[in-house]
PDB file of N, CA and C in Angstrom:
ATOM      1  N   MET A   1     -13.337 -17.840  -0.843  1.00  0.00           N
ATOM      2  CA  MET A   1     -14.659 -17.669  -1.092  1.00  0.00           C
ATOM      3  C   MET A   1     -14.835 -16.076  -0.809  1.00  0.00           C
ATOM      4  N   LYS A   2     -14.499 -15.898   0.394  1.00  0.00           N
ATOM      5  CA  LYS A   2     -14.489 -14.274   1.377  1.00  0.00           C
ATOM      6  C   LYS A   2     -13.861 -13.457   0.474  1.00  0.00           C
ATOM      7  N   PHE A   3     -12.496 -13.949   0.069  1.00  0.00           N
ATOM      8  CA  PHE A   3     -11.805 -12.706  -0.683  1.00  0.00           C
ATOM      9  C   PHE A   3     -12.159 -12.396  -1.972  1.00  0.00           C
ATOM     10  N   THR A   4     -13.199 -13.353  -2.530  1.00  0.00           N
ATOM     11  CA  THR A   4     -13.797 -13.462  -3.905  1.00  0.00           C
ATOM     12  C   THR A   4     -15.049 -12.138  -3.642  1.00  0.00           C
ATOM     13  N   ALA A   5     -15.398 -12.212  -2.727  1.00  0.00           N
ATOM     14  CA  ALA A   5     -16.671 -11.402  -2.564  1.00  0.00           C
ATOM     15  C   ALA A   5     -16.064  -9.749  -1.983  1.00  0.00           C
ATOM     16  N   VAL A   6     -15.152  -9.705  -1.125  1.00  0.00           N
ATOM     17  CA  VAL A   6     -14.583  -8.465  -1.171  1.00  0.00           C
ATOM     18  C   VAL A   6     -13.946  -8.098  -2.296  1.00  0.00           C
ATOM     19  N   PHE A   7     -13.064  -8.923  -3.177  1.00  0.00           N
ATOM     20  CA  PHE A   7     -12.720  -8.276  -4.390  1.00  0.00           C
ATOM     21  C   PHE A   7     -13.783  -8.051  -5.403  1.00  0.00           C
ATOM     22  N   ALA A   8     -15.126  -8.611  -5.484  1.00  0.00           N
ATOM     23  CA  ALA A   8     -16.181  -8.041  -6.346  1.00  0.00           C
ATOM     24  C   ALA A   8     -16.800  -6.708  -5.647  1.00  0.00           C
ATOM     25  N   ALA A   9     -16.621  -6.878  -4.454  1.00  0.00           N
ATOM     26  CA  ALA A   9     -17.132  -5.408  -4.188  1.00  0.00           C
ATOM     27  C   ALA A   9     -16.628  -4.345  -4.410  1.00  0.00           C
ATOM     28  N   LEU A  10     -14.935  -4.498  -4.104  1.00  0.00           N
ATOM     29  CA  LEU A  10     -14.054  -3.487  -4.361  1.00  0.00           C
ATOM     30  C   LEU A  10     -14.337  -3.213  -5.812  1.00  0.00           C
ATOM     31  N   ALA A  11     -14.219  -3.931  -7.023  1.00  0.00           N
ATOM     32  CA  ALA A  11     -14.461  -3.845  -8.529  1.00  0.00           C
ATOM     33  C   ALA A  11     -15.746  -3.118  -8.498  1.00  0.00           C
ATOM     34  N   ALA A  12     -16.857  -3.421  -8.168  1.00  0.00           N
ATOM     35  CA  ALA A  12     -18.105  -2.613  -8.391  1.00  0.00           C
ATOM     36  C   ALA A  12     -17.835  -1.250  -7.589  1.00  0.00           C
ATOM     37  N   PHE A  13     -17.434  -0.868  -6.555  1.00  0.00           N
ATOM     38  CA  PHE A  13     -17.227   0.251  -6.164  1.00  0.00           C
ATOM     39  C   PHE A  13     -16.439   0.891  -6.952  1.00  0.00           C
ATOM     40  N   ALA A  14     -15.236   0.652  -7.444  1.00  0.00           N
ATOM     41  CA  ALA A  14     -14.397   1.525  -8.085  1.00  0.00           C
ATOM     42  C   ALA A  14     -14.756   1.923  -9.566  1.00  0.00           C
ATOM     43  N   VAL A  15     -15.296   0.764 -10.473  1.00  0.00           N
ATOM     44  CA  VAL A  15     -16.000   1.087 -11.456  1.00  0.00           C
ATOM     45  C   VAL A  15     -17.221   2.018 -11.454  1.00  0.00           C
ATOM     46  N   SER A  16     -17.830   2.320 -10.430  1.00  0.00           N
ATOM     47  CA  SER A  16     -19.207   3.002 -10.034  1.00  0.00           C
ATOM     48  C   SER A  16     -18.410   4.752  -9.860  1.00  0.00           C
ATOM     49  N   GLN A  17     -17.250   4.601  -9.632  1.00  0.00           N
ATOM     50  CA  GLN A  17     -16.409   5.957  -9.306  1.00  0.00           C
ATOM     51  C   GLN A  17     -15.922   6.519 -10.272  1.00  0.00           C
ATOM     52  N   VAL A  18     -16.065   6.112 -11.536  1.00  0.00           N
ATOM     53  CA  VAL A  18     -15.300   6.628 -12.694  1.00  0.00           C
ATOM     54  C   VAL A  18     -15.648   7.976 -13.165  1.00  0.00           C
ATOM     55  N   SER A  19     -14.831   8.904 -13.245  1.00  0.00           N
ATOM     56  CA  SER A  19     -15.260  10.402 -13.455  1.00  0.00           C
ATOM     57  C   SER A  19     -15.508  10.532 -15.106  1.00  0.00           C
ATOM     58  N   ALA A  20     -16.494  11.534 -15.675  1.00  0.00           N
ATOM     59  CA  ALA A  20     -16.432  11.553 -16.990  1.00  0.00           C
ATOM     60  C   ALA A  20     -15.247  12.427 -17.506  1.00  0.00           C
ATOM     61  N   ASN A  21     -14.467  13.259 -16.528  1.00  0.00           N
ATOM     62  CA  ASN A  21     -13.018  13.771 -16.977  1.00  0.00           C
ATOM     63  C   ASN A  21     -11.958  13.146 -16.544  1.00  0.00           C
ATOM     64  N   ALA A  22     -11.966  12.083 -16.239  1.00  0.00           N
ATOM     65  CA  ALA A  22     -10.874  10.955 -16.065  1.00  0.00           C
ATOM     66  C   ALA A  22     -10.657  10.020 -17.547  1.00  0.00           C
ATOM     67  N   SER A  23      -9.325   9.618 -17.668  1.00  0.00           N
ATOM     68  CA  SER A  23      -8.958   8.939 -18.686  1.00  0.00           C
ATOM     69  C   SER A  23      -7.908   7.930 -18.749  1.00  0.00           C
ATOM     70  N   ILE A  24      -7.700   7.008 -19.006  1.00  0.00           N
ATOM     71  CA  ILE A  24      -6.275   6.279 -19.298  1.00  0.00           C
ATOM     72  C   ILE A  24      -5.730   6.925 -20.288  1.00  0.00           C
ATOM     73  N   VAL A  25      -4.469   7.545 -19.918  1.00  0.00           N
ATOM     74  CA  VAL A  25      -3.403   8.260 -20.950  1.00  0.00           C
ATOM     75  C   VAL A  25      -2.323   7.262 -21.169  1.00  0.00           C
ATOM     76  N   SER A  26      -1.938   6.350 -20.635  1.00  0.00           N
ATOM     77  CA  SER A  26      -1.124   4.790 -21.219  1.00  0.00           C
ATOM     78  C   SER A  26      -1.421   3.718 -20.205  1.00  0.00           C
ATOM     79  N   GLU A  27      -1.148   2.997 -20.816  1.00  0.00           N
ATOM     80  CA  GLU A  27      -1.297   1.381 -20.569  1.00  0.00           C
ATOM     81  C   GLU A  27       0.040   0.504 -21.143  1.00  0.00           C
ATOM     82  N   SER A  28       0.447  -0.500 -20.472  1.00  0.00           N
ATOM     83  CA  SER A  28       1.431  -1.427 -20.980  1.00  0.00           C
ATOM     84  C   SER A  28       1.220  -2.657 -20.211  1.00  0.00           C
ATOM     85  N   ASP A  29       1.662  -3.679 -21.181  1.00  0.00           N
ATOM     86  CA  ASP A  29       1.691  -4.993 -20.330  1.00  0.00           C
ATOM     87  C   ASP A  29       2.933  -5.681 -21.097  1.00  0.00           C
ATOM     88  N   ALA A  30       3.865  -5.078 -20.871  1.00  0.00           N
ATOM     89  CA  ALA A  30       5.339  -5.599 -21.622  1.00  0.00           C
ATOM     90  C   ALA A  30       6.339  -5.699 -20.490  1.00  0.00           C
ATOM     91  N   LEU A  31       6.122  -5.652 -19.015  1.00  0.00           N
ATOM     92  CA  LEU A  31       7.011  -5.864 -18.156  1.00  0.00           C
ATOM     93  C   LEU A  31       6.950  -7.205 -17.519  1.00  0.00           C
ATOM     94  N   GLY A  32       5.955  -7.892 -17.966  1.00  0.00           N
ATOM     95  CA  GLY A  32       5.814  -9.303 -17.409  1.00  0.00           C
ATOM     96  C   GLY A  32       4.535  -9.190 -16.630  1.00  0.00           C
ATOM     97  N   ALA A  33       4.460 -10.342 -15.949  1.00  0.00           N
ATOM     98  CA  ALA A  33       3.085 -10.687 -14.840  1.00  0.00           C
ATOM     99  C   ALA A  33       3.065 -10.021 -13.775  1.00  0.00           C
ATOM    100  N   THR A  34       1.556  -9.708 -13.405  1.00  0.00           N
ATOM    101  CA  THR A  34       1.332  -8.994 -12.412  1.00  0.00           C
ATOM    102  C   THR A  34       0.668  -9.956 -11.364  1.00  0.00           C
ATOM    103  N   ASP A  35       0.519  -9.401 -10.094  1.00  0.00           N
ATOM    104  CA  ASP A  35      -0.266 -10.225  -9.342  1.00  0.00           C
ATOM    105  C   ASP A  35      -1.512  -9.171  -9.382  1.00  0.00           C
ATOM    106  N   GLN A  36      -2.560  -9.438 -10.001  1.00  0.00           N
ATOM    107  CA  GLN A  36      -3.741  -8.629  -9.791  1.00  0.00           C
ATOM    108  C   GLN A  36      -4.339  -8.533  -8.625  1.00  0.00           C
ATOM    109  N   GLY A  37      -4.235  -9.865  -7.401  1.00  0.00           N
ATOM    110  CA  GLY A  37      -5.157  -9.343  -6.521  1.00  0.00           C
ATOM    111  C   GLY A  37      -4.126  -8.601  -5.439  1.00  0.00           C
ATOM    112  N   ALA A  38      -2.987  -8.635  -5.477  1.00  0.00           N
ATOM    113  CA  ALA A  38      -2.274  -7.809  -4.994  1.00  0.00           C
ATOM    114  C   ALA A  38      -2.196  -5.920  -5.316  1.00  0.00           C
ATOM    115  N   LEU A  39      -2.343  -6.279  -6.642  1.00  0.00           N
ATOM    116  CA  LEU A  39      -2.678  -4.723  -7.314  1.00  0.00           C
ATOM    117  C   LEU A  39      -4.226  -3.923  -6.800  1.00  0.00           C
ATOM    118  N   HIS A  40      -4.994  -4.809  -6.942  1.00  0.00           N
ATOM    119  CA  HIS A  40      -6.571  -4.517  -6.564  1.00  0.00           C
ATOM    120  C   HIS A  40      -6.089  -3.912  -4.724  1.00  0.00           C
ATOM    121  N   THR A  41      -5.362  -4.613  -4.036  1.00  0.00           N
ATOM    122  CA  THR A  41      -5.603  -4.533  -2.595  1.00  0.00           C
ATOM    123  C   THR A  41      -4.737  -3.082  -2.477  1.00  0.00           C
ATOM    124  N   CYS A  42      -3.563  -3.026  -3.248  1.00  0.00           N
ATOM    125  CA  CYS A  42      -2.496  -1.734  -3.672  1.00  0.00           C
ATOM    126  C   CYS A  42      -3.473  -0.443  -3.546  1.00  0.00           C
ATOM    127  N   LEU A  43      -4.570  -0.646  -4.777  1.00  0.00           N
ATOM    128  CA  LEU A  43      -5.306   0.510  -5.030  1.00  0.00           C
ATOM    129  C   LEU A  43      -6.145   0.719  -3.794  1.00  0.00           C
ATOM    130  N   GLN A  44      -6.658  -0.031  -3.230  1.00  0.00           N
ATOM    131  CA  GLN A  44      -7.900   0.518  -2.221  1.00  0.00           C
ATOM    132  C   GLN A  44      -7.007   1.049  -1.123  1.00  0.00           C
ATOM    133  N   ASN A  45      -5.889   0.798  -0.980  1.00  0.00           N
ATOM    134  CA  ASN A  45      -5.118   1.256   0.365  1.00  0.00           C
ATOM    135  C   ASN A  45      -4.586   2.799  -0.342  1.00  0.00           C
ATOM    136  N   TYR A  46      -4.438   2.889  -1.507  1.00  0.00           N
ATOM    137  CA  TYR A  46      -4.042   4.255  -2.029  1.00  0.00           C
ATOM    138  C   TYR A  46      -4.825   5.326  -2.052  1.00  0.00           C
ATOM    139  N   ARG A  47      -6.065   4.933  -1.856  1.00  0.00           N
ATOM    140  CA  ARG A  47      -7.122   6.112  -1.720  1.00  0.00           C
ATOM    141  C   ARG A  47      -6.588   7.101  -0.913  1.00  0.00           C
ATOM    142  N   ILE A  48      -6.493   6.752   0.394  1.00  0.00           N
ATOM    143  CA  ILE A  48      -6.407   7.492   1.533  1.00  0.00           C
ATOM    144  C   ILE A  48      -4.843   8.314   1.585  1.00  0.00           C
ATOM    145  N   ASN A  49      -3.899   7.446   0.680  1.00  0.00           N
ATOM    146  CA  ASN A  49      -2.629   8.553   0.692  1.00  0.00           C
ATOM    147  C   ASN A  49      -2.553   9.685   0.175  1.00  0.00           C
ATOM    148  N   ASN A  50      -1.540  10.447   0.311  1.00  0.00           N
ATOM    149  CA  ASN A  50      -1.520  11.710  -0.258  1.00  0.00           C
ATOM    150  C   ASN A  50      -0.486  11.587  -1.782  1.00  0.00           C
ATOM    151  N   TRP A  51       0.026  12.916  -1.839  1.00  0.00           N
ATOM    152  CA  TRP A  51       0.845  12.604  -3.099  1.00  0.00           C
ATOM    153  C   TRP A  51       1.764  11.794  -3.298  1.00  0.00           C
ATOM    154  N   ASP A  52       2.334  11.375  -2.217  1.00  0.00           N
ATOM    155  CA  ASP A  52       3.458  10.740  -2.228  1.00  0.00           C
ATOM    156  C   ASP A  52       3.379   9.394  -2.901  1.00  0.00           C
ATOM    157  N   GLY A  53       4.640   8.900  -3.590  1.00  0.00           N
ATOM    158  CA  GLY A  53       4.552   7.359  -4.171  1.00  0.00           C
ATOM    159  C   GLY A  53       4.608   6.220  -3.188  1.00  0.00           C
ATOM    160  N   MET A  54       4.599   5.040  -3.414  1.00  0.00           N
ATOM    161  CA  MET A  54       4.599   4.176  -2.835  1.00  0.00           C
ATOM    162  C   MET A  54       4.775   3.056  -3.635  1.00  0.00           C
ATOM    163  N   ASP A  55       5.605   1.794  -3.016  1.00  0.00           N
ATOM    164  CA  ASP A  55       5.788   0.536  -3.485  1.00  0.00           C
ATOM    165  C   ASP A  55       4.827  -0.504  -3.362  1.00  0.00           C
ATOM    166  N   CYS A  56       4.234  -1.124  -3.798  1.00  0.00           N
ATOM    167  CA  CYS A  56       2.946  -2.139  -3.433  1.00  0.00           C
ATOM    168  C   CYS A  56       2.812  -3.268  -4.937  1.00  0.00           C
ATOM    169  N   GLY A  57       2.705  -4.356  -4.323  1.00  0.00           N
ATOM    170  CA  GLY A  57       2.256  -5.217  -5.204  1.00  0.00           C
ATOM    171  C   GLY A  57       3.384  -5.585  -6.346  1.00  0.00           C
ATOM    172  N   GLY A  58       4.412  -5.219  -6.221  1.00  0.00           N
ATOM    173  CA  GLY A  58       5.910  -5.359  -7.007  1.00  0.00           C
ATOM    174  C   GLY A  58       5.768  -3.991  -8.130  1.00  0.00           C
ATOM    175  N   ARG A  59       4.687  -3.385  -7.914  1.00  0.00           N
ATOM    176  CA  ARG A  59       4.907  -1.766  -8.887  1.00  0.00           C
ATOM    177  C   ARG A  59       5.198  -0.836  -7.629  1.00  0.00           C
ATOM    178  N   GLY A  60       5.576   0.271  -8.656  1.00  0.00           N
ATOM    179  CA  GLY A  60       5.715   1.898  -7.882  1.00  0.00           C
ATOM    180  C   GLY A  60       4.519   2.451  -8.317  1.00  0.00           C
ATOM    181  N   TRP A  61       3.854   2.809  -7.323  1.00  0.00           N
ATOM    182  CA  TRP A  61       2.641   3.729  -7.462  1.00  0.00           C
ATOM    183  C   TRP A  61       2.719   5.439  -7.303  1.00  0.00           C
ATOM    184  N   PHE A  62       2.190   5.913  -8.379  1.00  0.00           N
ATOM    185  CA  PHE A  62       2.185   7.358  -8.132  1.00  0.00           C
ATOM    186  C   PHE A  62       0.933   7.989  -8.083  1.00  0.00           C
ATOM    187  N   LYS A  63       1.058   9.487  -7.361  1.00  0.00           N
ATOM    188  CA  LYS A  63      -0.208   9.963  -7.304  1.00  0.00           C
ATOM    189  C   LYS A  63       0.315  11.378  -7.499  1.00  0.00           C
ATOM    190  N   GLY A  64       0.058  12.313  -8.824  1.00  0.00           N
ATOM    191  CA  GLY A  64       0.372  13.928  -8.646  1.00  0.00           C
ATOM    192  C   GLY A  64      -0.656  14.715  -8.855  1.00  0.00           C
ATOM    193  N   SER A  65      -0.136  16.005  -9.005  1.00  0.00           N
ATOM    194  CA  SER A  65      -1.166  17.121  -9.618  1.00  0.00           C
ATOM    195  C   SER A  65      -0.702  18.226  -9.634  1.00  0.00           C
ATOM    196  N   HIS A  66      -1.324  19.095 -10.724  1.00  0.00           N
ATOM    197  CA  HIS A  66      -1.113  20.492 -11.029  1.00  0.00           C
ATOM    198  C   HIS A  66      -2.259  21.263 -10.781  1.00  0.00           C
ATOM    199  N   ASP A  67      -2.343  21.839  -9.611  1.00  0.00           N
ATOM    200  CA  ASP A  67      -3.480  22.919  -8.969  1.00  0.00           C
ATOM    201  C   ASP A  67      -4.907  22.067  -8.753  1.00  0.00           C
ATOM    202  N   TYR A  68      -4.470  20.550  -8.586  1.00  0.00           N
ATOM    203  CA  TYR A  68      -5.570  19.830  -7.946  1.00  0.00           C
ATOM    204  C   TYR A  68      -5.903  19.893  -6.632  1.00  0.00           C
ATOM    205  N   LYS A  69      -7.031  19.614  -6.172  1.00  0.00           N
ATOM    206  CA  LYS A  69      -7.051  20.205  -4.707  1.00  0.00           C
ATOM    207  C   LYS A  69      -6.783  19.052  -3.733  1.00  0.00           C
ATOM    208  N   SER A  70      -7.426  17.533  -3.992  1.00  0.00           N
ATOM    209  CA  SER A  70      -7.605  16.517  -3.328  1.00  0.00           C
ATOM    210  C   SER A  70      -7.067  15.056  -4.036  1.00  0.00           C
ATOM    211  N   PRO A  71      -6.379  14.692  -3.456  1.00  0.00           N
ATOM    212  CA  PRO A  71      -5.580  13.637  -3.789  1.00  0.00           C
ATOM    213  C   PRO A  71      -6.816  12.258  -3.553  1.00  0.00           C
ATOM    214  N   THR A  72      -7.675  12.259  -2.692  1.00  0.00           N
ATOM    215  CA  THR A  72      -8.917  11.567  -2.514  1.00  0.00           C
ATOM    216  C   THR A  72      -9.558  11.713  -3.750  1.00  0.00           C
ATOM    217  N   ASN A  73      -9.917  12.836  -4.050  1.00  0.00           N
ATOM    218  CA  ASN A  73     -11.254  12.954  -5.457  1.00  0.00           C
ATOM    219  C   ASN A  73      -9.963  12.290  -6.584  1.00  0.00           C
ATOM    220  N   CYS A  74      -8.981  12.559  -6.767  1.00  0.00           N
ATOM    221  CA  CYS A  74      -8.085  11.828  -7.895  1.00  0.00           C
ATOM    222  C   CYS A  74      -8.310  10.664  -8.025  1.00  0.00           C
ATOM    223  N   TRP A  75      -8.254   9.750  -6.863  1.00  0.00           N
ATOM    224  CA  TRP A  75      -8.640   8.177  -6.545  1.00  0.00           C
ATOM    225  C   TRP A  75      -9.720   8.069  -7.012  1.00  0.00           C
ATOM    226  N   ASP A  76     -10.883   9.000  -6.733  1.00  0.00           N
ATOM    227  CA  ASP A  76     -12.277   8.659  -6.971  1.00  0.00           C
ATOM    228  C   ASP A  76     -12.588   8.852  -8.379  1.00  0.00           C
ATOM    229  N   ALA A  77     -11.692   9.633  -8.989  1.00  0.00           N
ATOM    230  CA  ALA A  77     -12.091   9.730 -10.637  1.00  0.00           C
ATOM    231  C   ALA A  77     -11.455   8.593 -11.236  1.00  0.00           C
ATOM    232  N   CYS A  78     -10.263   8.081 -11.083  1.00  0.00           N
ATOM    233  CA  CYS A  78      -9.368   7.149 -11.799  1.00  0.00           C
ATOM    234  C   CYS A  78      -9.349   5.609 -11.256  1.00  0.00           C
ATOM    235  N   ALA A  79      -9.936   5.537  -9.971  1.00  0.00           N
ATOM    236  CA  ALA A  79      -9.762   4.034  -9.621  1.00  0.00           C
ATOM    237  C   ALA A  79     -10.445   2.993 -10.465  1.00  0.00           C
ATOM    238  N   GLY A  80     -11.814   3.623 -11.157  1.00  0.00           N
ATOM    239  CA  GLY A  80     -12.582   2.243 -11.990  1.00  0.00           C
ATOM    240  C   GLY A  80     -11.678   1.948 -13.126  1.00  0.00           C
ATOM    241  N   TYR A  81     -10.907   3.213 -13.547  1.00  0.00           N
ATOM    242  CA  TYR A  81     -10.336   2.819 -15.058  1.00  0.00           C
ATOM    243  C   TYR A  81      -8.965   1.998 -14.404  1.00  0.00           C
ATOM    244  N   ILE A  82      -8.332   2.344 -13.462  1.00  0.00           N
ATOM    245  CA  ILE A  82      -7.163   1.521 -13.014  1.00  0.00           C
ATOM    246  C   ILE A  82      -7.546   0.222 -12.622  1.00  0.00           C
ATOM    247  N   VAL A  83      -8.588  -0.247 -12.030  1.00  0.00           N
ATOM    248  CA  VAL A  83      -9.086  -1.752 -11.874  1.00  0.00           C
ATOM    249  C   VAL A  83      -9.462  -2.256 -13.132  1.00  0.00           C
ATOM    250  N   GLN A  84      -9.813  -1.643 -14.258  1.00  0.00           N
ATOM    251  CA  GLN A  84     -10.089  -2.106 -15.487  1.00  0.00           C
ATOM    252  C   GLN A  84      -8.923  -2.293 -16.329  1.00  0.00           C
ATOM    253  N   ALA A  85      -7.809  -1.733 -15.970  1.00  0.00           N
ATOM    254  CA  ALA A  85      -6.374  -2.054 -16.564  1.00  0.00           C
ATOM    255  C   ALA A  85      -5.704  -3.000 -15.648  1.00  0.00           C
ATOM    256  N   ILE A  86      -5.810  -3.155 -14.229  1.00  0.00           N
ATOM    257  CA  ILE A  86      -5.213  -4.368 -13.574  1.00  0.00           C
ATOM    258  C   ILE A  86      -6.093  -5.681 -14.218  1.00  0.00           C
ATOM    259  N   ASP A  87      -7.142  -5.527 -14.321  1.00  0.00           N
ATOM    260  CA  ASP A  87      -8.061  -6.741 -14.846  1.00  0.00           C
ATOM    261  C   ASP A  87      -7.582  -7.239 -16.132  1.00  0.00           C
ATOM    262  N   ARG A  88      -7.087  -6.185 -16.993  1.00  0.00           N
ATOM    263  CA  ARG A  88      -6.470  -6.655 -18.539  1.00  0.00           C
ATOM    264  C   ARG A  88      -5.255  -7.530 -18.205  1.00  0.00           C
ATOM    265  N   GLY A  89      -4.494  -6.882 -17.112  1.00  0.00           N
ATOM    266  CA  GLY A  89      -3.285  -7.532 -16.915  1.00  0.00           C
ATOM    267  C   GLY A  89      -2.021  -6.510 -17.190  1.00  0.00           C
ATOM    268  N   ALA A  90      -2.499  -5.052 -17.025  1.00  0.00           N
ATOM    269  CA  ALA A  90      -1.402  -4.142 -17.278  1.00  0.00           C
ATOM    270  C   ALA A  90      -0.540  -4.111 -16.403  1.00  0.00           C
ATOM    271  N   THR A  91       0.742  -3.902 -16.664  1.00  0.00           N
ATOM    272  CA  THR A  91       1.891  -3.916 -15.931  1.00  0.00           C
ATOM    273  C   THR A  91       2.624  -2.268 -15.615  1.00  0.00           C
ATOM    274  N   ALA A  92       1.777  -1.345 -16.470  1.00  0.00           N
ATOM    275  CA  ALA A  92       2.019   0.100 -16.355  1.00  0.00           C
ATOM    276  C   ALA A  92       0.910   0.602 -16.668  1.00  0.00           C
ATOM    277  N   VAL A  93       0.383   1.618 -15.784  1.00  0.00           N
ATOM    278  CA  VAL A  93      -1.068   2.326 -16.186  1.00  0.00           C
ATOM    279  C   VAL A  93      -0.794   3.970 -15.717  1.00  0.00           C
ATOM    280  N   GLU A  94      -1.212   4.673 -16.430  1.00  0.00           N
ATOM    281  CA  GLU A  94      -1.634   6.219 -15.783  1.00  0.00           C
ATOM    282  C   GLU A  94      -3.060   6.465 -16.323  1.00  0.00           C
ATOM    283  N   CYS A  95      -3.851   7.100 -15.223  1.00  0.00           N
ATOM    284  CA  CYS A  95      -4.983   7.778 -15.507  1.00  0.00           C
ATOM    285  C   CYS A  95      -4.640   9.326 -15.139  1.00  0.00           C
ATOM    286  N   ASP A  96      -5.331  10.085 -16.072  1.00  0.00           N
ATOM    287  CA  ASP A  96      -5.498  11.562 -15.576  1.00  0.00           C
ATOM    288  C   ASP A  96      -7.040  12.072 -15.341  1.00  0.00           C
ATOM    289  N   ASP A  97      -7.131  12.777 -14.442  1.00  0.00           N
ATOM    290  CA  ASP A  97      -8.381  13.780 -14.317  1.00  0.00           C
ATOM    291  C   ASP A  97      -8.033  15.321 -14.327  1.00  0.00           C
ATOM    292  N   VAL A  98      -8.867  15.696 -15.460  1.00  0.00           N
ATOM    293  CA  VAL A  98      -8.944  17.378 -15.640  1.00  0.00           C
ATOM    294  C   VAL A  98     -10.253  17.886 -15.054  1.00  0.00           C
ATOM    295  N   GLU A  99     -10.047  18.918 -14.539  1.00  0.00           N
ATOM    296  CA  GLU A  99     -10.960  19.416 -13.766  1.00  0.00           C
ATOM    297  C   GLU A  99     -10.670  21.141 -14.132  1.00  0.00           C
ATOM    298  N   GLY A 100     -11.504  21.597 -15.386  1.00  0.00           N
ATOM    299  CA  GLY A 100     -10.891  22.766 -15.524  1.00  0.00           C
ATOM    300  C   GLY A 100      -9.637  23.221 -15.650  1.00  0.00           C
ATOM    301  N   GLY A 101      -8.816  24.093 -15.048  1.00  0.00           N
ATOM    302  CA  GLY A 101      -7.473  24.037 -15.219  1.00  0.00           C
ATOM    303  C   GLY A 101      -6.521  23.329 -14.386  1.00  0.00           C
ATOM    304  N   ALA A 102      -7.317  22.326 -13.495  1.00  0.00           N
ATOM    305  CA  ALA A 102      -6.316  21.492 -12.588  1.00  0.00           C
ATOM    306  C   ALA A 102      -6.413  20.151 -13.174  1.00  0.00           C
ATOM    307  N   ARG A 103      -5.348  19.475 -12.788  1.00  0.00           N
ATOM    308  CA  ARG A 103      -5.064  18.073 -13.653  1.00  0.00           C
ATOM    309  C   ARG A 103      -4.498  17.052 -12.434  1.00  0.00           C
ATOM    310  N   CYS A 104      -4.736  16.080 -12.325  1.00  0.00           N
ATOM    311  CA  CYS A 104      -4.035  14.783 -11.411  1.00  0.00           C
ATOM    312  C   CYS A 104      -3.774  13.837 -12.436  1.00  0.00           C
ATOM    313  N   TRP A 105      -2.883  13.036 -11.697  1.00  0.00           N
ATOM    314  CA  TRP A 105      -2.667  11.197 -12.164  1.00  0.00           C
ATOM    315  C   TRP A 105      -2.096  10.525 -11.571  1.00  0.00           C
ATOM    316  N   MET A 106      -2.423   9.220 -11.476  1.00  0.00           N
ATOM    317  CA  MET A 106      -2.175   8.467 -10.858  1.00  0.00           C
ATOM    318  C   MET A 106      -2.043   7.233 -11.817  1.00  0.00           C
ATOM    319  N   GLY A 107      -1.448   6.404 -11.066  1.00  0.00           N
ATOM    320  CA  GLY A 107      -0.909   5.035 -11.523  1.00  0.00           C
ATOM    321  C   GLY A 107      -0.181   3.849 -10.936  1.00  0.00           C
ATOM    322  N   TYR A 108       0.373   3.088 -11.475  1.00  0.00           N
ATOM    323  CA  TYR A 108       1.533   2.282 -11.182  1.00  0.00           C
ATOM    324  C   TYR A 108       2.606   2.204 -12.484  1.00  0.00           C
ATOM    325  N   HIS A 109       3.717   1.603 -12.178  1.00  0.00           N
ATOM    326  CA  HIS A 109       4.715   1.341 -13.091  1.00  0.00           C
ATOM    327  C   HIS A 109       5.832   0.234 -12.751  1.00  0.00           C
TER     328      HIS A 109
END
């Protein structure tokens, strides 16, 4: 029961953080089943990570940029979209955020 409450709070927070300039640019569910709970935990832990990738929840996570200032801002813009993709069972997803001439991207595969 406690896990469900924590998960609901994470999902509500992430959905509230969706940026008007961010969007899912690719999503697939062709690579088999995912552990949605693990992916939600991975996403939460990835907020404070920098632009380097990580392996978590059975997927390779990535976050990169072109002239984008903050990996945390990228997470804030895209987390809600990625939560929705995880909930749909996506095995791979990429979200991009564009701010003027700057762009960031993050997701997992």
